[in-house]
Amino acid sequence: MSALDQEQRKRHELFTKDLLEKNLEIRELPDGYGFRFPNDSLLSTALSEWATLEQLCCPFLTLTLELHRNQGPTWLKLTGENGVKEFLRAELGI
């Protein structure tokens, strides 16, 4: 988290708490986790900003934001190498 300044850190913490409460499903992936969210343009914007901040503090993660066609769900996937699933479980409480 030292990669973020104080304002970014506050914003990241608020986003993390708020966004995790809005997920509809958490799916375990072979190399991480996927989070399904409702299709909502404001939520997608917030997820994008969160992913940008997350990449600064955790550059070992691969973050994928999928916006599905026909008003389908939005998926945020957090993946990486060995140990990433354990890290995400500890950091995100999943």
Protein backbone atom coordinates (compact mmCIF):
# COMPACT_ATOMS: atom_id res chain seq x y z
CA MET A 1 0.00 0.00 0.00
CA SER A 2 3.02 2.33 0.17
CA ALA A 3 2.64 2.78 -3.61
CA LEU A 4 -0.51 4.81 -2.93
CA ASP A 5 -0.59 8.28 -1.44
CA GLN A 6 -2.90 8.99 1.50
CA GLU A 7 -5.83 10.10 -0.66
CA GLN A 8 -5.50 7.13 -3.00
CA ARG A 9 -5.29 4.75 -0.04
CA LYS A 10 -8.53 6.16 1.45
CA ARG A 11 -10.29 5.92 -1.90
CA HIS A 12 -9.04 2.36 -2.41
CA GLU A 13 -10.26 1.28 1.04
CA LEU A 14 -13.71 2.84 0.46
CA PHE A 15 -13.99 1.23 -2.97
CA THR A 16 -12.93 -2.17 -1.63
CA LYS A 17 -15.55 -2.18 1.11
CA ASP A 18 -18.32 -0.77 -1.09
CA LEU A 19 -17.62 -2.93 -4.13
CA LEU A 20 -17.27 -6.21 -2.27
CA GLU A 21 -20.73 -5.67 -0.80
CA LYS A 22 -22.19 -5.28 -4.31
CA ASN A 23 -20.88 -8.49 -5.85
CA LEU A 24 -23.49 -11.06 -6.75
CA GLU A 25 -21.16 -14.04 -6.88
CA ILE A 26 -17.57 -14.99 -6.18
CA ARG A 27 -16.19 -17.72 -8.38
CA GLU A 28 -12.94 -19.51 -7.63
CA LEU A 29 -10.71 -19.69 -10.70
CA PRO A 30 -7.64 -21.91 -11.20
CA ASP A 31 -5.35 -18.91 -10.61
CA GLY A 32 -7.50 -16.47 -8.59
CA TYR A 33 -11.08 -15.32 -8.17
CA GLY A 34 -13.83 -13.80 -10.28
CA PHE A 35 -16.44 -11.40 -8.91
CA ARG A 36 -19.76 -10.98 -10.71
CA PHE A 37 -21.50 -7.62 -10.47
CA PRO A 38 -24.75 -6.28 -11.88
CA ASN A 39 -24.58 -4.38 -15.14
CA ASP A 40 -24.43 -0.74 -14.04
CA SER A 41 -22.39 2.02 -15.70
CA LEU A 42 -21.54 3.81 -12.44
CA LEU A 43 -20.46 0.54 -10.87
CA SER A 44 -18.32 -0.30 -13.91
CA THR A 45 -16.60 3.09 -13.62
CA ALA A 46 -15.93 2.49 -9.91
CA LEU A 47 -14.57 -1.00 -10.65
CA SER A 48 -12.24 0.46 -13.25
CA GLU A 49 -10.90 3.06 -10.83
CA TRP A 50 -10.50 0.44 -8.11
CA ALA A 51 -8.60 -1.83 -10.52
CA THR A 52 -6.24 1.03 -11.40
CA LEU A 53 -5.47 1.66 -7.72
CA GLU A 54 -5.17 -2.06 -7.02
CA GLN A 55 -2.62 -2.45 -9.82
CA LEU A 56 -0.46 0.24 -8.21
CA CYS A 57 -0.32 -1.50 -4.85
CA CYS A 58 -0.36 -5.09 -6.11
CA PRO A 59 1.48 -5.21 -9.46
CA PHE A 60 1.70 -9.02 -9.24
CA LEU A 61 -2.04 -9.29 -9.92
CA THR A 62 -3.65 -9.53 -13.34
CA LEU A 63 -6.94 -7.63 -13.24
CA THR A 64 -9.55 -8.23 -15.92
CA LEU A 65 -12.78 -6.26 -16.19
CA GLU A 66 -15.34 -7.89 -18.49
CA LEU A 67 -18.45 -6.00 -19.55
CA HIS A 68 -20.73 -8.52 -21.23
CA ARG A 69 -23.00 -7.82 -24.19
CA ASN A 70 -26.77 -7.43 -24.02
CA GLN A 71 -26.73 -5.90 -20.55
CA GLY A 72 -25.10 -9.02 -19.15
CA PRO A 73 -23.12 -9.06 -15.91
CA THR A 74 -19.81 -7.38 -15.24
CA TRP A 75 -16.97 -9.62 -14.10
CA LEU A 76 -13.86 -8.50 -12.28
CA LYS A 77 -11.20 -11.21 -12.29
CA LEU A 78 -8.14 -11.09 -10.05
CA THR A 79 -5.55 -13.65 -11.02
CA GLY A 80 -1.84 -14.33 -10.73
CA GLU A 81 0.85 -16.84 -9.96
CA ASN A 82 1.25 -19.23 -7.03
CA GLY A 83 0.07 -17.79 -3.72
CA VAL A 84 -2.37 -15.26 -5.23
CA LYS A 85 -5.49 -17.12 -4.10
CA GLU A 86 -4.25 -17.27 -0.52
CA PHE A 87 -3.33 -13.56 -0.67
CA LEU A 88 -6.80 -12.62 -2.00
CA ARG A 89 -8.57 -14.72 0.62
CA ALA A 90 -6.61 -12.95 3.37
CA GLU A 91 -6.87 -9.43 1.94
CA LEU A 92 -10.48 -9.57 0.82
CA GLY A 93 -11.85 -11.91 3.44
CA ILE A 94 -13.14 -14.52 1.00
